[in-house]
Protein backbone atom coordinates (compact mmCIF):
# COMPACT_ATOMS: atom_id res chain seq x y z
CA MET A 1 0.00 0.00 0.00
CA ALA A 2 1.34 3.44 -0.94
CA ALA A 3 0.88 4.96 2.50
CA ASN A 4 3.29 2.38 3.94
CA HIS A 5 6.09 3.24 1.50
CA PHE A 6 8.40 5.72 3.27
CA ARG A 7 11.91 4.97 2.09
CA VAL A 8 13.87 4.73 -1.14
CA ASN A 9 17.37 3.32 -1.18
CA GLY A 10 19.43 4.96 -3.84
CA GLU A 11 22.14 7.32 -4.91
CA ARG A 12 22.05 10.96 -3.85
CA ILE A 13 21.53 13.47 -6.68
CA ASP A 14 22.43 17.12 -6.01
CA SER A 15 21.33 18.90 -9.22
CA LEU A 16 18.73 18.69 -11.95
CA SER A 17 21.44 18.35 -14.61
CA GLU A 18 22.95 15.41 -12.72
CA PHE A 19 19.50 13.82 -12.46
CA LEU A 20 18.88 14.17 -16.21
CA LYS A 21 22.17 12.37 -16.95
CA ARG A 22 21.12 9.34 -14.84
CA LYS A 23 18.46 8.16 -17.30
CA THR A 24 18.88 4.59 -18.52
CA ASP A 25 16.56 3.25 -21.24
CA ASP A 26 13.90 5.93 -20.60
CA GLU A 27 13.98 5.22 -16.86
CA TRP A 28 15.30 6.79 -13.71
CA SER A 29 15.58 4.40 -10.76
CA ASN A 30 16.88 4.23 -7.20
CA LEU A 31 17.71 7.92 -6.87
CA LEU A 32 17.38 10.45 -4.05
CA PHE A 33 16.73 13.89 -5.56
CA TYR A 34 18.04 16.44 -3.01
CA PRO A 35 17.73 19.87 -4.70
CA GLU A 36 14.83 22.00 -3.51
CA SER A 37 13.54 22.70 -7.02
CA PHE A 38 12.85 20.74 -10.19
CA GLU A 39 11.95 23.41 -12.70
CA SER A 40 12.50 24.87 -16.10
CA GLU A 41 15.11 27.62 -16.22
CA ASN A 42 13.06 29.57 -18.76
CA ARG A 43 9.40 30.08 -19.60
CA HIS A 44 9.18 26.81 -21.55
CA PRO A 45 8.41 23.65 -19.56
CA ILE A 46 10.73 20.69 -19.21
CA VAL A 47 8.99 17.83 -21.04
CA PHE A 48 9.21 14.11 -20.23
CA THR A 49 7.42 11.71 -22.60
CA GLY A 50 7.05 7.97 -22.01
CA LYS A 51 9.45 7.88 -19.06
CA ARG A 52 9.44 5.62 -15.99
CA PHE A 53 10.44 6.83 -12.54
CA PHE A 54 11.06 3.81 -10.28
CA GLU A 55 11.92 4.21 -6.61
CA VAL A 56 12.90 7.87 -6.90
CA SER A 57 12.58 10.16 -3.89
CA PHE A 58 11.36 13.69 -4.62
CA LYS A 59 10.80 14.41 -0.92
CA ASP A 60 10.23 18.14 -0.26
CA THR A 61 10.93 19.03 -3.92
CA ASP A 62 9.20 22.00 -5.62
CA PHE A 63 8.22 21.16 -9.22
CA LYS A 64 7.52 24.14 -11.50
CA ARG A 65 6.78 24.26 -15.23
CA VAL A 66 7.29 20.54 -15.91
CA ARG A 67 5.19 18.47 -18.32
CA PHE A 68 4.90 14.67 -17.99
CA VAL A 69 3.23 12.75 -20.84
CA ARG A 70 2.53 8.98 -20.54
CA CYS A 71 4.96 8.64 -17.61
CA SER A 72 4.78 6.25 -14.68
CA PHE A 73 5.86 6.88 -11.11
CA GLU A 74 6.34 3.55 -9.32
CA ARG A 75 7.27 3.27 -5.63
CA CYS A 76 8.35 6.94 -5.61
CA LEU A 77 8.20 9.43 -2.75
CA PHE A 78 6.54 12.82 -3.13
CA ILE A 79 6.29 13.42 0.63
CA GLY A 80 5.95 17.16 1.25
CA ALA A 81 6.54 18.04 -2.41
CA THR A 82 4.82 20.93 -4.20
CA ILE A 83 3.77 20.76 -7.85
CA THR A 84 2.97 24.14 -9.45
CA ASP A 85 2.07 24.98 -13.07
CA CYS A 86 2.77 21.41 -14.23
CA GLU A 87 0.94 19.00 -16.53
CA PHE A 88 0.49 15.24 -16.15
CA THR A 89 -1.11 13.68 -19.23
CA ASP A 90 -1.95 9.94 -19.21
CA CYS A 91 0.41 9.32 -16.27
CA LYS A 92 0.20 6.62 -13.58
CA PHE A 93 1.17 6.67 -9.92
CA ILE A 94 1.73 3.16 -8.55
CA GLU A 95 2.61 2.45 -4.91
CA THR A 96 3.80 6.05 -4.62
CA ASN A 97 3.69 7.98 -1.35
CA THR A 98 2.01 11.34 -1.91
CA SER A 99 1.64 12.29 1.76
CA LYS A 100 1.33 16.08 2.18
CA LEU A 101 1.75 16.62 -1.60
CA LYS A 102 0.54 20.09 -2.63
CA ILE A 103 -0.80 20.62 -6.16
CA LYS A 104 -1.31 24.17 -7.51
CA ARG A 105 -2.55 25.27 -10.96
CA CYS A 106 -1.86 21.88 -12.58
CA LEU A 107 -3.39 19.72 -15.26
CA LEU A 108 -3.74 16.35 -13.55
CA ASP A 109 -6.40 13.67 -13.98
CA PRO A 110 -7.34 12.33 -10.52
CA LEU A 111 -7.71 8.88 -12.08
CA SER A 112 -3.92 8.88 -12.52
CA PHE A 113 -3.90 7.90 -8.85
CA ALA A 114 -6.48 5.09 -9.17
CA THR A 115 -3.89 2.30 -9.06
CA ASN A 116 -2.04 4.09 -6.28
CA ILE A 117 -5.11 4.44 -4.06
CA TRP A 118 -7.00 1.21 -4.71
CA GLY A 119 -4.05 -1.04 -5.58
CA GLN A 120 -5.42 -2.06 -8.95
CA ALA A 121 -6.25 -0.46 -12.25
CA LEU A 122 -9.83 0.78 -12.40
CA GLN A 123 -11.91 1.35 -15.51
CA PHE A 124 -14.42 4.22 -15.68
CA THR A 125 -16.35 5.51 -18.64
CA SER A 126 -16.93 8.88 -16.99
CA ALA A 127 -15.77 10.90 -14.00
CA ALA A 128 -19.25 10.47 -12.48
CA GLU A 129 -18.58 6.72 -12.11
CA CYS A 130 -15.50 7.33 -9.96
CA LYS A 131 -16.80 6.80 -6.43
CA MET A 132 -15.06 5.58 -3.32
């Protein structure tokens, strides 16, 4: 269960540029992202398409102007993170701890968390069918 996942064992990463270099086969895994911010340096967003984030800690990280398309976040930590002006399109969160995650001015389908919350993929034909 996602709420019971509190620790990621991995290598410490101290900058966004270092993080970007750690990609292997469209995947980042077993990393501890330590910088306070994960954001675009200009007005254009950083874009990730079809990427997998596996056991990556983004604890207390501030995301700004980042776009994720068809990405998966598996066994990641977003504890205390803030996501502002970001987009998540067709993304999945699986066994990911989102305790105290703050989301501001973002495009994010709540069903992206369906597997994370209920532990299995759910199928809905409309948002009205999504009931707990």
